[in-house]
């Protein structure tokens, strides 16, 4: 699957500066579905929320019920665009998702099963 997804603009899944090191996605060393930013880039899933300085003001609290990514494409992640930070420090988007070992993620490694993951893609989509 990895080679096919390269044709759609996906890069290898990195972790700790190691190419193929992200075991939570088939773009790394995993055998499961693409990660949240990869799903977003492919147009296969949409965010439950997009948080940035205009949608998430300072000193505001919000609650979200985040479904597992295998449940479908609608609201499969929370996309954080840290536009409040100085661009000299951090400019990459963050994606929060819940991965569960079921359906297309049935081969998800146990390390990621039932856990929220935070993913920063390469490059910053």
PDB file of N, CA and C in Angstrom:
ATOM      1  N   UNK A   1       0.820  -1.176   0.000  1.00  0.00           N
ATOM      2  CA  UNK A   1       0.000   0.000   0.000  1.00  0.00           C
ATOM      3  C   UNK A   1       0.876   1.256   0.000  1.00  0.00           C
ATOM      4  N   UNK A   2       2.016   1.183   0.667  1.00  0.00           N
ATOM      5  CA  UNK A   2       2.868   2.363   0.790  1.00  0.00           C
ATOM      6  C   UNK A   2       3.256   2.952  -0.562  1.00  0.00           C
ATOM      7  N   UNK A   3       3.650   2.126  -1.481  1.00  0.00           N
ATOM      8  CA  UNK A   3       4.092   2.627  -2.786  1.00  0.00           C
ATOM      9  C   UNK A   3       2.939   3.269  -3.555  1.00  0.00           C
ATOM     10  N   UNK A   4       1.752   2.727  -3.415  1.00  0.00           N
ATOM     11  CA  UNK A   4       0.583   3.331  -4.065  1.00  0.00           C
ATOM     12  C   UNK A   4       0.299   4.707  -3.463  1.00  0.00           C
ATOM     13  N   UNK A   5       0.394   4.825  -2.142  1.00  0.00           N
ATOM     14  CA  UNK A   5       0.099   6.096  -1.489  1.00  0.00           C
ATOM     15  C   UNK A   5       1.133   7.172  -1.805  1.00  0.00           C
ATOM     16  N   UNK A   6       2.340   6.773  -2.184  1.00  0.00           N
ATOM     17  CA  UNK A   6       3.319   7.766  -2.648  1.00  0.00           C
ATOM     18  C   UNK A   6       2.771   8.508  -3.870  1.00  0.00           C
ATOM     19  N   UNK A   7       2.015   7.812  -4.707  1.00  0.00           N
ATOM     20  CA  UNK A   7       1.440   8.435  -5.904  1.00  0.00           C
ATOM     21  C   UNK A   7       0.419   9.522  -5.567  1.00  0.00           C
ATOM     22  N   UNK A   8      -0.083   9.519  -4.337  1.00  0.00           N
ATOM     23  CA  UNK A   8      -1.040  10.529  -3.885  1.00  0.00           C
ATOM     24  C   UNK A   8      -0.369  11.613  -3.040  1.00  0.00           C
ATOM     25  N   UNK A   9       0.956  11.626  -3.023  1.00  0.00           N
ATOM     26  CA  UNK A   9       1.700  12.686  -2.348  1.00  0.00           C
ATOM     27  C   UNK A   9       2.085  12.429  -0.909  1.00  0.00           C
ATOM     28  N   UNK A  10       1.939  11.201  -0.427  1.00  0.00           N
ATOM     29  CA  UNK A  10       2.325  10.917   0.955  1.00  0.00           C
ATOM     30  C   UNK A  10       3.810  10.593   1.052  1.00  0.00           C
ATOM     31  N   UNK A  11       4.379  10.965   2.184  1.00  0.00           N
ATOM     32  CA  UNK A  11       5.784  10.697   2.479  1.00  0.00           C
ATOM     33  C   UNK A  11       5.873   9.532   3.458  1.00  0.00           C
ATOM     34  N   UNK A  12       7.066   9.043   3.676  1.00  0.00           N
ATOM     35  CA  UNK A  12       7.270   7.980   4.659  1.00  0.00           C
ATOM     36  C   UNK A  12       6.929   8.491   6.057  1.00  0.00           C
ATOM     37  N   UNK A  13       6.469   7.577   6.905  1.00  0.00           N
ATOM     38  CA  UNK A  13       6.134   7.925   8.280  1.00  0.00           C
ATOM     39  C   UNK A  13       7.386   7.941   9.141  1.00  0.00           C
ATOM     40  N   UNK A  14       7.734   9.110   9.633  1.00  0.00           N
ATOM     41  CA  UNK A  14       8.922   9.285  10.469  1.00  0.00           C
ATOM     42  C   UNK A  14       8.536   9.259  11.948  1.00  0.00           C
ATOM     43  N   UNK A  15       9.474   8.838  12.788  1.00  0.00           N
ATOM     44  CA  UNK A  15       9.326   8.934  14.240  1.00  0.00           C
ATOM     45  C   UNK A  15      10.723   9.027  14.836  1.00  0.00           C
ATOM     46  N   UNK A  16      10.911   9.987  15.709  1.00  0.00           N
ATOM     47  CA  UNK A  16      12.212  10.195  16.354  1.00  0.00           C
ATOM     48  C   UNK A  16      13.350  10.306  15.345  1.00  0.00           C
ATOM     49  N   UNK A  17      13.098  11.020  14.264  1.00  0.00           N
ATOM     50  CA  UNK A  17      14.079  11.280  13.206  1.00  0.00           C
ATOM     51  C   UNK A  17      14.474  10.023  12.430  1.00  0.00           C
ATOM     52  N   UNK A  18      13.639   8.983  12.503  1.00  0.00           N
ATOM     53  CA  UNK A  18      13.912   7.728  11.799  1.00  0.00           C
ATOM     54  C   UNK A  18      12.880   7.544  10.685  1.00  0.00           C
ATOM     55  N   UNK A  19      13.354   7.482   9.446  1.00  0.00           N
ATOM     56  CA  UNK A  19      12.466   7.228   8.318  1.00  0.00           C
ATOM     57  C   UNK A  19      11.879   5.831   8.464  1.00  0.00           C
ATOM     58  N   UNK A  20      10.602   5.673   8.201  1.00  0.00           N
ATOM     59  CA  UNK A  20       9.814   4.449   8.399  1.00  0.00           C
ATOM     60  C   UNK A  20       9.586   4.146   9.881  1.00  0.00           C
ATOM     61  N   UNK A  21       9.974   5.052  10.782  1.00  0.00           N
ATOM     62  CA  UNK A  21       9.896   4.786  12.212  1.00  0.00           C
ATOM     63  C   UNK A  21       8.502   4.844  12.806  1.00  0.00           C
ATOM     64  N   UNK A  22       7.534   5.432  12.102  1.00  0.00           N
ATOM     65  CA  UNK A  22       6.174   5.537  12.630  1.00  0.00           C
ATOM     66  C   UNK A  22       5.432   4.227  12.390  1.00  0.00           C
ATOM     67  N   UNK A  23       5.286   3.445  13.443  1.00  0.00           N
ATOM     68  CA  UNK A  23       4.634   2.136  13.331  1.00  0.00           C
ATOM     69  C   UNK A  23       3.112   2.229  13.375  1.00  0.00           C
ATOM     70  N   UNK A  24       2.561   3.448  13.461  1.00  0.00           N
ATOM     71  CA  UNK A  24       1.102   3.602  13.505  1.00  0.00           C
ATOM     72  C   UNK A  24       0.490   3.740  12.118  1.00  0.00           C
ATOM     73  N   UNK A  25       1.299   3.686  11.066  1.00  0.00           N
ATOM     74  CA  UNK A  25       0.803   3.889   9.706  1.00  0.00           C
ATOM     75  C   UNK A  25       1.549   3.009   8.714  1.00  0.00           C
ATOM     76  N   UNK A  26       0.867   2.678   7.650  1.00  0.00           N
ATOM     77  CA  UNK A  26       1.520   1.901   6.590  1.00  0.00           C
ATOM     78  C   UNK A  26       2.579   2.724   5.868  1.00  0.00           C
ATOM     79  N   UNK A  27       2.586   4.030   6.054  1.00  0.00           N
ATOM     80  CA  UNK A  27       3.631   4.865   5.453  1.00  0.00           C
ATOM     81  C   UNK A  27       4.913   4.818   6.278  1.00  0.00           C
ATOM     82  N   UNK A  28       4.850   4.194   7.432  1.00  0.00           N
ATOM     83  CA  UNK A  28       6.027   3.937   8.256  1.00  0.00           C
ATOM     84  C   UNK A  28       6.293   2.444   8.230  1.00  0.00           C
ATOM     85  N   UNK A  29       6.348   1.845   9.416  1.00  0.00           N
ATOM     86  CA  UNK A  29       6.594   0.401   9.495  1.00  0.00           C
ATOM     87  C   UNK A  29       5.354  -0.375   9.924  1.00  0.00           C
ATOM     88  N   UNK A  30       4.200   0.289   9.999  1.00  0.00           N
ATOM     89  CA  UNK A  30       2.970  -0.372  10.418  1.00  0.00           C
ATOM     90  C   UNK A  30       2.211  -1.003   9.266  1.00  0.00           C
ATOM     91  N   UNK A  31       1.168  -1.735   9.608  1.00  0.00           N
ATOM     92  CA  UNK A  31       0.326  -2.414   8.618  1.00  0.00           C
ATOM     93  C   UNK A  31      -1.111  -1.915   8.666  1.00  0.00           C
ATOM     94  N   UNK A  32      -1.333  -0.778   9.309  1.00  0.00           N
ATOM     95  CA  UNK A  32      -2.693  -0.262   9.474  1.00  0.00           C
ATOM     96  C   UNK A  32      -2.983   0.850   8.478  1.00  0.00           C
ATOM     97  N   UNK A  33      -4.138   1.446   8.622  1.00  0.00           N
ATOM     98  CA  UNK A  33      -4.551   2.550   7.749  1.00  0.00           C
ATOM     99  C   UNK A  33      -3.633   3.755   7.932  1.00  0.00           C
ATOM    100  N   UNK A  34      -3.711   4.703   7.019  1.00  0.00           N
ATOM    101  CA  UNK A  34      -2.919   5.928   7.159  1.00  0.00           C
ATOM    102  C   UNK A  34      -3.255   6.678   8.453  1.00  0.00           C
ATOM    103  N   UNK A  35      -2.310   7.490   8.898  1.00  0.00           N
ATOM    104  CA  UNK A  35      -2.491   8.301  10.105  1.00  0.00           C
ATOM    105  C   UNK A  35      -3.447   9.461   9.826  1.00  0.00           C
ATOM    106  N   UNK A  36      -3.829  10.179  10.867  1.00  0.00           N
ATOM    107  CA  UNK A  36      -4.778  11.288  10.720  1.00  0.00           C
ATOM    108  C   UNK A  36      -4.330  12.340   9.704  1.00  0.00           C
ATOM    109  N   UNK A  37      -3.097  12.851   9.761  1.00  0.00           N
ATOM    110  CA  UNK A  37      -2.729  13.850   8.748  1.00  0.00           C
ATOM    111  C   UNK A  37      -2.684  13.269   7.341  1.00  0.00           C
ATOM    112  N   UNK A  38      -2.350  11.996   7.243  1.00  0.00           N
ATOM    113  CA  UNK A  38      -2.342  11.351   5.923  1.00  0.00           C
ATOM    114  C   UNK A  38      -3.765  11.220   5.391  1.00  0.00           C
ATOM    115  N   UNK A  39      -4.705  10.830   6.262  1.00  0.00           N
ATOM    116  CA  UNK A  39      -6.110  10.746   5.857  1.00  0.00           C
ATOM    117  C   UNK A  39      -6.623  12.108   5.414  1.00  0.00           C
ATOM    118  N   UNK A  40      -6.244  13.163   6.159  1.00  0.00           N
ATOM    119  CA  UNK A  40      -6.667  14.517   5.807  1.00  0.00           C
ATOM    120  C   UNK A  40      -6.079  14.928   4.459  1.00  0.00           C
ATOM    121  N   UNK A  41      -4.787  14.693   4.268  1.00  0.00           N
ATOM    122  CA  UNK A  41      -4.122  15.066   3.014  1.00  0.00           C
ATOM    123  C   UNK A  41      -4.750  14.352   1.812  1.00  0.00           C
ATOM    124  N   UNK A  42      -5.109  13.098   1.996  1.00  0.00           N
ATOM    125  CA  UNK A  42      -5.732  12.319   0.923  1.00  0.00           C
ATOM    126  C   UNK A  42      -7.180  12.742   0.662  1.00  0.00           C
ATOM    127  N   UNK A  43      -7.773  13.473   1.579  1.00  0.00           N
ATOM    128  CA  UNK A  43      -9.184  13.838   1.452  1.00  0.00           C
ATOM    129  C   UNK A  43     -10.104  12.709   1.880  1.00  0.00           C
ATOM    130  N   UNK A  44      -9.572  11.756   2.624  1.00  0.00           N
ATOM    131  CA  UNK A  44     -10.345  10.593   3.051  1.00  0.00           C
ATOM    132  C   UNK A  44     -11.015  10.791   4.405  1.00  0.00           C
ATOM    133  N   UNK A  45     -10.678  11.867   5.115  1.00  0.00           N
ATOM    134  CA  UNK A  45     -11.290  12.136   6.415  1.00  0.00           C
ATOM    135  C   UNK A  45     -11.272  13.640   6.674  1.00  0.00           C
ATOM    136  N   UNK A  46     -12.226  14.076   7.488  1.00  0.00           N
ATOM    137  CA  UNK A  46     -12.325  15.490   7.838  1.00  0.00           C
ATOM    138  C   UNK A  46     -12.143  15.660   9.346  1.00  0.00           C
ATOM    139  N   UNK A  47     -11.725  16.845   9.763  1.00  0.00           N
ATOM    140  CA  UNK A  47     -11.543  17.092  11.194  1.00  0.00           C
ATOM    141  C   UNK A  47     -12.866  17.292  11.932  1.00  0.00           C
ATOM    142  N   UNK A  48     -12.904  16.863  13.166  1.00  0.00           N
ATOM    143  CA  UNK A  48     -14.004  17.167  14.072  1.00  0.00           C
ATOM    144  C   UNK A  48     -13.963  18.658  14.408  1.00  0.00           C
ATOM    145  N   UNK A  49     -12.750  19.190  14.520  1.00  0.00           N
ATOM    146  CA  UNK A  49     -12.549  20.620  14.789  1.00  0.00           C
ATOM    147  C   UNK A  49     -11.202  21.042  14.226  1.00  0.00           C
ATOM    148  N   UNK A  50     -11.133  22.305  13.813  1.00  0.00           N
ATOM    149  CA  UNK A  50      -9.863  22.915  13.418  1.00  0.00           C
ATOM    150  C   UNK A  50      -9.612  24.052  14.398  1.00  0.00           C
ATOM    151  N   UNK A  51      -8.597  23.889  15.209  1.00  0.00           N
ATOM    152  CA  UNK A  51      -8.324  24.862  16.260  1.00  0.00           C
ATOM    153  C   UNK A  51      -7.166  25.765  15.862  1.00  0.00           C
ATOM    154  N   UNK A  52      -7.410  27.067  15.950  1.00  0.00           N
ATOM    155  CA  UNK A  52      -6.380  28.068  15.700  1.00  0.00           C
ATOM    156  C   UNK A  52      -6.744  29.306  16.515  1.00  0.00           C
ATOM    157  N   UNK A  53      -6.034  30.398  16.324  1.00  0.00           N
ATOM    158  CA  UNK A  53      -6.262  31.581  17.162  1.00  0.00           C
ATOM    159  C   UNK A  53      -7.658  32.177  16.999  1.00  0.00           C
ATOM    160  N   UNK A  54      -8.307  31.954  15.867  1.00  0.00           N
ATOM    161  CA  UNK A  54      -9.651  32.516  15.685  1.00  0.00           C
ATOM    162  C   UNK A  54     -10.762  31.577  16.155  1.00  0.00           C
ATOM    163  N   UNK A  55     -10.514  30.284  16.200  1.00  0.00           N
ATOM    164  CA  UNK A  55     -11.553  29.336  16.611  1.00  0.00           C
ATOM    165  C   UNK A  55     -11.383  28.842  18.045  1.00  0.00           C
ATOM    166  N   UNK A  56     -10.240  29.125  18.642  1.00  0.00           N
ATOM    167  CA  UNK A  56      -9.955  28.659  20.001  1.00  0.00           C
ATOM    168  C   UNK A  56      -9.245  29.777  20.776  1.00  0.00           C
ATOM    169  N   UNK A  57     -10.017  30.774  21.225  1.00  0.00           N
ATOM    170  CA  UNK A  57      -9.428  31.935  21.901  1.00  0.00           C
ATOM    171  C   UNK A  57      -8.726  31.564  23.209  1.00  0.00           C
ATOM    172  N   UNK A  58      -7.833  32.423  23.620  1.00  0.00           N
ATOM    173  CA  UNK A  58      -7.100  32.251  24.874  1.00  0.00           C
ATOM    174  C   UNK A  58      -8.084  32.155  26.039  1.00  0.00           C
ATOM    175  N   UNK A  59      -7.745  31.334  27.025  1.00  0.00           N
ATOM    176  CA  UNK A  59      -8.532  31.152  28.249  1.00  0.00           C
ATOM    177  C   UNK A  59      -9.917  30.575  27.976  1.00  0.00           C
ATOM    178  N   UNK A  60     -10.029  29.772  26.935  1.00  0.00           N
ATOM    179  CA  UNK A  60     -11.281  29.112  26.582  1.00  0.00           C
ATOM    180  C   UNK A  60     -11.092  27.602  26.730  1.00  0.00           C
ATOM    181  N   UNK A  61     -12.127  26.926  27.191  1.00  0.00           N
ATOM    182  CA  UNK A  61     -12.090  25.474  27.308  1.00  0.00           C
ATOM    183  C   UNK A  61     -13.128  24.873  26.381  1.00  0.00           C
ATOM    184  N   UNK A  62     -12.792  23.755  25.774  1.00  0.00           N
ATOM    185  CA  UNK A  62     -13.726  23.037  24.908  1.00  0.00           C
ATOM    186  C   UNK A  62     -13.606  21.547  25.196  1.00  0.00           C
ATOM    187  N   UNK A  63     -14.717  20.848  25.050  1.00  0.00           N
ATOM    188  CA  UNK A  63     -14.727  19.396  25.174  1.00  0.00           C
ATOM    189  C   UNK A  63     -15.061  18.791  23.824  1.00  0.00           C
ATOM    190  N   UNK A  64     -14.411  17.704  23.505  1.00  0.00           N
ATOM    191  CA  UNK A  64     -14.672  17.002  22.257  1.00  0.00           C
ATOM    192  C   UNK A  64     -14.824  15.520  22.544  1.00  0.00           C
ATOM    193  N   UNK A  65     -15.715  14.872  21.814  1.00  0.00           N
ATOM    194  CA  UNK A  65     -15.810  13.418  21.829  1.00  0.00           C
ATOM    195  C   UNK A  65     -15.255  12.954  20.493  1.00  0.00           C
ATOM    196  N   UNK A  66     -14.055  12.450  20.537  1.00  0.00           N
ATOM    197  CA  UNK A  66     -13.330  12.086  19.323  1.00  0.00           C
ATOM    198  C   UNK A  66     -13.555  10.609  19.006  1.00  0.00           C
ATOM    199  N   UNK A  67     -14.172  10.299  17.865  1.00  0.00           N
ATOM    200  CA  UNK A  67     -14.374   8.894  17.507  1.00  0.00           C
ATOM    201  C   UNK A  67     -13.072   8.267  17.007  1.00  0.00           C
ATOM    202  N   UNK A  68     -13.006   6.962  17.058  1.00  0.00           N
ATOM    203  CA  UNK A  68     -11.847   6.258  16.499  1.00  0.00           C
ATOM    204  C   UNK A  68     -11.820   6.453  14.985  1.00  0.00           C
ATOM    205  N   UNK A  69     -10.640   6.525  14.423  1.00  0.00           N
ATOM    206  CA  UNK A  69     -10.516   6.789  12.987  1.00  0.00           C
ATOM    207  C   UNK A  69     -11.175   5.705  12.137  1.00  0.00           C
ATOM    208  N   UNK A  70     -11.230   4.469  12.615  1.00  0.00           N
ATOM    209  CA  UNK A  70     -11.817   3.394  11.809  1.00  0.00           C
ATOM    210  C   UNK A  70     -13.330   3.551  11.636  1.00  0.00           C
ATOM    211  N   UNK A  71     -13.974   4.389  12.446  1.00  0.00           N
ATOM    212  CA  UNK A  71     -15.429   4.528  12.389  1.00  0.00           C
ATOM    213  C   UNK A  71     -15.934   5.317  11.189  1.00  0.00           C
ATOM    214  N   UNK A  72     -15.053   5.991  10.501  1.00  0.00           N
ATOM    215  CA  UNK A  72     -15.491   6.694   9.304  1.00  0.00           C
ATOM    216  C   UNK A  72     -14.784   8.013   9.097  1.00  0.00           C
ATOM    217  N   UNK A  73     -15.075   8.638   7.980  1.00  0.00           N
ATOM    218  CA  UNK A  73     -14.316   9.820   7.582  1.00  0.00           C
ATOM    219  C   UNK A  73     -14.739  11.136   8.239  1.00  0.00           C
ATOM    220  N   UNK A  74     -15.925  11.215   8.785  1.00  0.00           N
ATOM    221  CA  UNK A  74     -16.411  12.488   9.333  1.00  0.00           C
ATOM    222  C   UNK A  74     -15.923  12.684  10.768  1.00  0.00           C
ATOM    223  N   UNK A  75     -15.243  13.793  11.016  1.00  0.00           N
ATOM    224  CA  UNK A  75     -14.808  14.112  12.375  1.00  0.00           C
ATOM    225  C   UNK A  75     -13.805  13.140  12.944  1.00  0.00           C
ATOM    226  N   UNK A  76     -12.881  12.678  12.126  1.00  0.00           N
ATOM    227  CA  UNK A  76     -11.947  11.630  12.530  1.00  0.00           C
ATOM    228  C   UNK A  76     -10.709  12.139  13.266  1.00  0.00           C
ATOM    229  N   UNK A  77     -10.569  13.451  13.404  1.00  0.00           N
ATOM    230  CA  UNK A  77      -9.367  14.004  14.030  1.00  0.00           C
ATOM    231  C   UNK A  77      -9.649  15.424  14.493  1.00  0.00           C
ATOM    232  N   UNK A  78      -8.759  15.954  15.286  1.00  0.00           N
ATOM    233  CA  UNK A  78      -8.758  17.379  15.616  1.00  0.00           C
ATOM    234  C   UNK A  78      -7.478  17.949  15.028  1.00  0.00           C
ATOM    235  N   UNK A  79      -7.639  18.981  14.216  1.00  0.00           N
ATOM    236  CA  UNK A  79      -6.488  19.618  13.566  1.00  0.00           C
ATOM    237  C   UNK A  79      -6.164  20.908  14.315  1.00  0.00           C
ATOM    238  N   UNK A  80      -4.923  21.019  14.772  1.00  0.00           N
ATOM    239  CA  UNK A  80      -4.474  22.207  15.492  1.00  0.00           C
ATOM    240  C   UNK A  80      -3.488  22.964  14.610  1.00  0.00           C
ATOM    241  N   UNK A  81      -3.832  24.198  14.324  1.00  0.00           N
ATOM    242  CA  UNK A  81      -2.973  25.082  13.524  1.00  0.00           C
ATOM    243  C   UNK A  81      -2.421  26.150  14.472  1.00  0.00           C
ATOM    244  N   UNK A  82      -1.202  25.993  14.975  1.00  0.00           N
ATOM    245  CA  UNK A  82      -0.677  26.895  16.012  1.00  0.00           C
ATOM    246  C   UNK A  82      -0.230  28.249  15.465  1.00  0.00           C
ATOM    247  N   UNK A  83      -1.176  28.986  14.896  1.00  0.00           N
ATOM    248  CA  UNK A  83      -0.841  30.269  14.279  1.00  0.00           C
ATOM    249  C   UNK A  83      -0.586  31.373  15.307  1.00  0.00           C
ATOM    250  N   UNK A  84      -0.780  31.091  16.584  1.00  0.00           N
ATOM    251  CA  UNK A  84      -0.504  32.056  17.635  1.00  0.00           C
ATOM    252  C   UNK A  84       0.977  32.066  18.010  1.00  0.00           C
ATOM    253  N   UNK A  85       1.732  31.082  17.538  1.00  0.00           N
ATOM    254  CA  UNK A  85       3.158  31.013  17.849  1.00  0.00           C
ATOM    255  C   UNK A  85       3.977  31.802  16.837  1.00  0.00           C
ATOM    256  N   UNK A  86       5.081  32.300  17.282  1.00  0.00           N
ATOM    257  CA  UNK A  86       6.023  32.976  16.393  1.00  0.00           C
ATOM    258  C   UNK A  86       6.536  31.960  15.377  1.00  0.00           C
ATOM    259  N   UNK A  87       6.546  32.325  14.115  1.00  0.00           N
ATOM    260  CA  UNK A  87       6.964  31.387  13.063  1.00  0.00           C
ATOM    261  C   UNK A  87       8.422  30.970  13.190  1.00  0.00           C
ATOM    262  N   UNK A  88       9.192  31.657  14.021  1.00  0.00           N
ATOM    263  CA  UNK A  88      10.572  31.224  14.272  1.00  0.00           C
ATOM    264  C   UNK A  88      10.621  30.010  15.189  1.00  0.00           C
ATOM    265  N   UNK A  89       9.508  29.723  15.874  1.00  0.00           N
ATOM    266  CA  UNK A  89       9.493  28.631  16.833  1.00  0.00           C
ATOM    267  C   UNK A  89       8.787  27.382  16.320  1.00  0.00           C
ATOM    268  N   UNK A  90       7.558  27.549  15.821  1.00  0.00           N
ATOM    269  CA  UNK A  90       6.813  26.353  15.413  1.00  0.00           C
ATOM    270  C   UNK A  90       5.741  26.732  14.409  1.00  0.00           C
ATOM    271  N   UNK A  91       5.726  26.052  13.281  1.00  0.00           N
ATOM    272  CA  UNK A  91       4.750  26.378  12.238  1.00  0.00           C
ATOM    273  C   UNK A  91       3.986  25.158  11.744  1.00  0.00           C
ATOM    274  N   UNK A  92       4.224  23.998  12.294  1.00  0.00           N
ATOM    275  CA  UNK A  92       3.609  22.779  11.783  1.00  0.00           C
ATOM    276  C   UNK A  92       2.268  22.496  12.462  1.00  0.00           C
ATOM    277  N   UNK A  93       1.340  21.980  11.688  1.00  0.00           N
ATOM    278  CA  UNK A  93       0.046  21.580  12.230  1.00  0.00           C
ATOM    279  C   UNK A  93       0.202  20.315  13.063  1.00  0.00           C
ATOM    280  N   UNK A  94      -0.698  20.134  14.018  1.00  0.00           N
ATOM    281  CA  UNK A  94      -0.760  18.919  14.825  1.00  0.00           C
ATOM    282  C   UNK A  94      -2.123  18.282  14.615  1.00  0.00           C
ATOM    283  N   UNK A  95      -2.171  16.966  14.654  1.00  0.00           N
ATOM    284  CA  UNK A  95      -3.419  16.229  14.477  1.00  0.00           C
ATOM    285  C   UNK A  95      -3.586  15.286  15.660  1.00  0.00           C
ATOM    286  N   UNK A  96      -4.744  15.344  16.304  1.00  0.00           N
ATOM    287  CA  UNK A  96      -5.081  14.429  17.392  1.00  0.00           C
ATOM    288  C   UNK A  96      -6.076  13.417  16.858  1.00  0.00           C
ATOM    289  N   UNK A  97      -5.821  12.157  17.137  1.00  0.00           N
ATOM    290  CA  UNK A  97      -6.749  11.115  16.683  1.00  0.00           C
ATOM    291  C   UNK A  97      -6.783   9.990  17.703  1.00  0.00           C
ATOM    292  N   UNK A  98      -7.821   9.174  17.602  1.00  0.00           N
ATOM    293  CA  UNK A  98      -7.964   7.985  18.442  1.00  0.00           C
ATOM    294  C   UNK A  98      -7.885   6.780  17.530  1.00  0.00           C
ATOM    295  N   UNK A  99      -6.949   5.901  17.796  1.00  0.00           N
ATOM    296  CA  UNK A  99      -6.781   4.697  16.978  1.00  0.00           C
ATOM    297  C   UNK A  99      -7.234   3.483  17.787  1.00  0.00           C
ATOM    298  N   UNK A 100      -8.021   2.632  17.164  1.00  0.00           N
ATOM    299  CA  UNK A 100      -8.524   1.409  17.790  1.00  0.00           C
ATOM    300  C   UNK A 100      -8.328   0.265  16.816  1.00  0.00           C
ATOM    301  N   UNK A 101      -7.928  -0.865  17.334  1.00  0.00           N
ATOM    302  CA  UNK A 101      -7.638  -2.049  16.527  1.00  0.00           C
ATOM    303  C   UNK A 101      -8.947  -2.686  16.054  1.00  0.00           C
ATOM    304  N   UNK A 102      -9.457  -2.213  14.901  1.00  0.00           N
ATOM    305  CA  UNK A 102     -10.707  -2.721  14.331  1.00  0.00           C
ATOM    306  C   UNK A 102     -10.788  -2.293  12.871  1.00  0.00           C
ATOM    307  N   UNK A 103     -11.608  -2.987  12.099  1.00  0.00           N
ATOM    308  CA  UNK A 103     -11.852  -2.666  10.678  1.00  0.00           C
ATOM    309  C   UNK A 103     -10.533  -2.432   9.943  1.00  0.00           C
ATOM    310  N   UNK A 104     -10.383  -1.281   9.287  1.00  0.00           N
ATOM    311  CA  UNK A 104      -9.165  -1.000   8.529  1.00  0.00           C
ATOM    312  C   UNK A 104      -7.922  -0.877   9.391  1.00  0.00           C
ATOM    313  N   UNK A 105      -8.110  -0.690  10.683  1.00  0.00           N
ATOM    314  CA  UNK A 105      -6.987  -0.636  11.622  1.00  0.00           C
ATOM    315  C   UNK A 105      -6.835  -1.948  12.397  1.00  0.00           C
ATOM    316  N   UNK A 106      -7.370  -3.037  11.868  1.00  0.00           N
ATOM    317  CA  UNK A 106      -7.318  -4.320  12.586  1.00  0.00           C
ATOM    318  C   UNK A 106      -5.894  -4.809  12.818  1.00  0.00           C
ATOM    319  N   UNK A 107      -4.946  -4.338  11.995  1.00  0.00           N
ATOM    320  CA  UNK A 107      -3.549  -4.734  12.156  1.00  0.00           C
ATOM    321  C   UNK A 107      -2.727  -3.689  12.913  1.00  0.00           C
ATOM    322  N   UNK A 108      -3.405  -2.742  13.546  1.00  0.00           N
ATOM    323  CA  UNK A 108      -2.730  -1.714  14.337  1.00  0.00           C
ATOM    324  C   UNK A 108      -1.942  -2.375  15.462  1.00  0.00           C
ATOM    325  N   UNK A 109      -0.714  -1.941  15.657  1.00  0.00           N
ATOM    326  CA  UNK A 109       0.101  -2.498  16.736  1.00  0.00           C
ATOM    327  C   UNK A 109      -0.519  -2.150  18.089  1.00  0.00           C
ATOM    328  N   UNK A 110      -0.380  -3.045  19.037  1.00  0.00           N
ATOM    329  CA  UNK A 110      -0.992  -2.887  20.354  1.00  0.00           C
ATOM    330  C   UNK A 110      -0.539  -1.604  21.056  1.00  0.00           C
ATOM    331  N   UNK A 111       0.661  -1.137  20.771  1.00  0.00           N
ATOM    332  CA  UNK A 111       1.163   0.110  21.371  1.00  0.00           C
ATOM    333  C   UNK A 111       0.246   1.298  21.098  1.00  0.00           C
ATOM    334  N   UNK A 112      -0.513   1.254  20.002  1.00  0.00           N
ATOM    335  CA  UNK A 112      -1.367   2.369  19.607  1.00  0.00           C
ATOM    336  C   UNK A 112      -2.850   2.094  19.835  1.00  0.00           C
ATOM    337  N   UNK A 113      -3.207   0.878  20.185  1.00  0.00           N
ATOM    338  CA  UNK A 113      -4.601   0.474  20.315  1.00  0.00           C
ATOM    339  C   UNK A 113      -5.289   1.189  21.479  1.00  0.00           C
ATOM    340  N   UNK A 114      -6.409   1.858  21.179  1.00  0.00           N
ATOM    341  CA  UNK A 114      -7.197   2.530  22.202  1.00  0.00           C
ATOM    342  C   UNK A 114      -6.547   3.784  22.755  1.00  0.00           C
ATOM    343  N   UNK A 115      -5.612   4.340  22.017  1.00  0.00           N
ATOM    344  CA  UNK A 115      -4.888   5.512  22.507  1.00  0.00           C
ATOM    345  C   UNK A 115      -5.051   6.691  21.564  1.00  0.00           C
ATOM    346  N   UNK A 116      -5.005   7.865  22.159  1.00  0.00           N
ATOM    347  CA  UNK A 116      -4.974   9.084  21.349  1.00  0.00           C
ATOM    348  C   UNK A 116      -3.554   9.257  20.832  1.00  0.00           C
ATOM    349  N   UNK A 117      -3.430   9.654  19.605  1.00  0.00           N
ATOM    350  CA  UNK A 117      -2.107   9.923  19.058  1.00  0.00           C
ATOM    351  C   UNK A 117      -2.042  11.367  18.585  1.00  0.00           C
ATOM    352  N   UNK A 118      -0.885  11.947  18.730  1.00  0.00           N
ATOM    353  CA  UNK A 118      -0.611  13.288  18.221  1.00  0.00           C
ATOM    354  C   UNK A 118       0.399  13.131  17.109  1.00  0.00           C
ATOM    355  N   UNK A 119       0.054  13.639  15.953  1.00  0.00           N
ATOM    356  CA  UNK A 119       0.903  13.443  14.785  1.00  0.00           C
ATOM    357  C   UNK A 119       1.229  14.778  14.144  1.00  0.00           C
ATOM    358  N   UNK A 120       2.479  14.944  13.803  1.00  0.00           N
ATOM    359  CA  UNK A 120       2.923  16.111  13.042  1.00  0.00           C
ATOM    360  C   UNK A 120       3.453  15.576  11.717  1.00  0.00           C
ATOM    361  N   UNK A 121       2.796  15.921  10.633  1.00  0.00           N
ATOM    362  CA  UNK A 121       3.209  15.357   9.344  1.00  0.00           C
ATOM    363  C   UNK A 121       4.464  16.002   8.778  1.00  0.00           C
ATOM    364  N   UNK A 122       5.050  15.323   7.806  1.00  0.00           N
ATOM    365  CA  UNK A 122       6.166  15.854   7.019  1.00  0.00           C
ATOM    366  C   UNK A 122       5.707  15.893   5.594  1.00  0.00           C
ATOM    367  N   UNK A 123       5.668  16.983   4.919  1.00  0.00           N
ATOM    368  CA  UNK A 123       5.801  18.352   5.420  1.00  0.00           C
ATOM    369  C   UNK A 123       4.547  18.767   6.174  1.00  0.00           C
ATOM    370  N   UNK A 124       4.460  20.006   6.584  1.00  0.00           N
ATOM    371  CA  UNK A 124       3.313  20.454   7.382  1.00  0.00           C
ATOM    372  C   UNK A 124       2.106  20.713   6.488  1.00  0.00           C
ATOM    373  N   UNK A 125       1.147  19.789   6.513  1.00  0.00           N
ATOM    374  CA  UNK A 125      -0.087  19.952   5.727  1.00  0.00           C
ATOM    375  C   UNK A 125      -1.090  20.725   6.529  1.00  0.00           C
TER     376      UNK A 125
END
